[in-house]
Amino acid sequence: MLEDVALLPSLQKRKGEYRHALVEGFPYRVVYVWHDEAVVIYQVRHTSRKPSRRFGP
């Protein structure tokens, strides 16, 4: 999954500029932003927890 983000950072877009990618084999989601040549990770979140208002479900 993280390799996919490195190769194709324009993956799924969910809320505003924040993009989400699931961690393979774990119930976690990575919330990130892609700016030019850099990927900035904002959050690694457990998918069964309360959704974040800022980053979406």
C-alpha atoms as a PDB file:
ATOM      1  CA  MET A   1       0.000   0.000   0.000  1.00  0.00           C
ATOM      2  CA  LEU A   2       2.665   2.528   0.912  1.00  0.00           C
ATOM      3  CA  GLU A   3       4.515   1.544  -2.238  1.00  0.00           C
ATOM      4  CA  ASP A   4       1.357   2.389  -4.193  1.00  0.00           C
ATOM      5  CA  VAL A   5       1.215   5.827  -2.573  1.00  0.00           C
ATOM      6  CA  ALA A   6       4.861   6.399  -3.504  1.00  0.00           C
ATOM      7  CA  LEU A   7       4.281   5.324  -7.116  1.00  0.00           C
ATOM      8  CA  LEU A   8       0.771   6.754  -7.650  1.00  0.00           C
ATOM      9  CA  PRO A   9       0.094   9.466  -5.068  1.00  0.00           C
ATOM     10  CA  SER A  10      -3.004  10.591  -6.949  1.00  0.00           C
ATOM     11  CA  LEU A  11      -4.976   7.627  -5.622  1.00  0.00           C
ATOM     12  CA  GLN A  12      -8.430   7.904  -4.126  1.00  0.00           C
ATOM     13  CA  LYS A  13      -9.540  11.375  -3.115  1.00  0.00           C
ATOM     14  CA  ARG A  14     -12.150  11.586  -0.391  1.00  0.00           C
ATOM     15  CA  LYS A  15     -12.511  14.902   1.393  1.00  0.00           C
ATOM     16  CA  GLY A  16     -11.128  18.115  -0.032  1.00  0.00           C
ATOM     17  CA  GLU A  17      -7.444  17.743  -0.779  1.00  0.00           C
ATOM     18  CA  TYR A  18      -6.975  14.790   1.600  1.00  0.00           C
ATOM     19  CA  ARG A  19      -6.417  11.385   0.030  1.00  0.00           C
ATOM     20  CA  HIS A  20      -6.918   8.041   1.741  1.00  0.00           C
ATOM     21  CA  ALA A  21      -5.133   4.734   1.323  1.00  0.00           C
ATOM     22  CA  LEU A  22      -5.758   1.528   3.269  1.00  0.00           C
ATOM     23  CA  VAL A  23      -2.912  -0.383   4.907  1.00  0.00           C
ATOM     24  CA  GLU A  24      -2.961  -3.912   3.524  1.00  0.00           C
ATOM     25  CA  GLY A  25      -3.631  -6.587   6.147  1.00  0.00           C
ATOM     26  CA  PHE A  26      -4.468  -4.091   8.916  1.00  0.00           C
ATOM     27  CA  PRO A  27      -7.570  -2.055   9.752  1.00  0.00           C
ATOM     28  CA  TYR A  28      -5.736   1.257   9.284  1.00  0.00           C
ATOM     29  CA  ARG A  29      -6.058   4.098   6.838  1.00  0.00           C
ATOM     30  CA  VAL A  30      -3.405   6.646   5.896  1.00  0.00           C
ATOM     31  CA  VAL A  31      -4.600  10.197   5.252  1.00  0.00           C
ATOM     32  CA  TYR A  32      -2.210  12.216   3.116  1.00  0.00           C
ATOM     33  CA  VAL A  33      -1.851  15.166   0.777  1.00  0.00           C
ATOM     34  CA  TRP A  34       0.155  15.162  -2.427  1.00  0.00           C
ATOM     35  CA  HIS A  35       1.947  18.448  -3.209  1.00  0.00           C
ATOM     36  CA  ASP A  36       4.190  18.565  -6.296  1.00  0.00           C
ATOM     37  CA  GLU A  37       6.833  15.919  -5.548  1.00  0.00           C
ATOM     38  CA  ALA A  38       6.085  15.414  -1.839  1.00  0.00           C
ATOM     39  CA  VAL A  39       3.581  13.247   0.023  1.00  0.00           C
ATOM     40  CA  VAL A  40       2.656  14.658   3.437  1.00  0.00           C
ATOM     41  CA  ILE A  41       1.042  12.139   5.815  1.00  0.00           C
ATOM     42  CA  TYR A  42      -1.434  13.746   8.198  1.00  0.00           C
ATOM     43  CA  GLN A  43      -2.832  10.736   9.985  1.00  0.00           C
ATOM     44  CA  VAL A  44      -2.732   6.967  10.334  1.00  0.00           C
ATOM     45  CA  ARG A  45      -6.134   5.995  11.690  1.00  0.00           C
ATOM     46  CA  HIS A  46      -7.870   2.802  12.813  1.00  0.00           C
ATOM     47  CA  THR A  47     -10.905   2.311  10.574  1.00  0.00           C
ATOM     48  CA  SER A  48     -13.170   1.098  13.387  1.00  0.00           C
ATOM     49  CA  ARG A  49     -12.749   4.243  15.469  1.00  0.00           C
ATOM     50  CA  LYS A  50     -14.890   7.367  15.476  1.00  0.00           C
ATOM     51  CA  PRO A  51     -14.611   9.181  12.089  1.00  0.00           C
ATOM     52  CA  SER A  52     -12.633  12.397  11.888  1.00  0.00           C
ATOM     53  CA  ARG A  53     -14.552  15.549  10.942  1.00  0.00           C
ATOM     54  CA  ARG A  54     -11.508  17.049   9.268  1.00  0.00           C
ATOM     55  CA  PHE A  55     -10.319  14.035   7.273  1.00  0.00           C
ATOM     56  CA  GLY A  56     -13.611  12.253   6.596  1.00  0.00           C
ATOM     57  CA  PRO A  57     -14.856   8.747   7.429  1.00  0.00           C
END
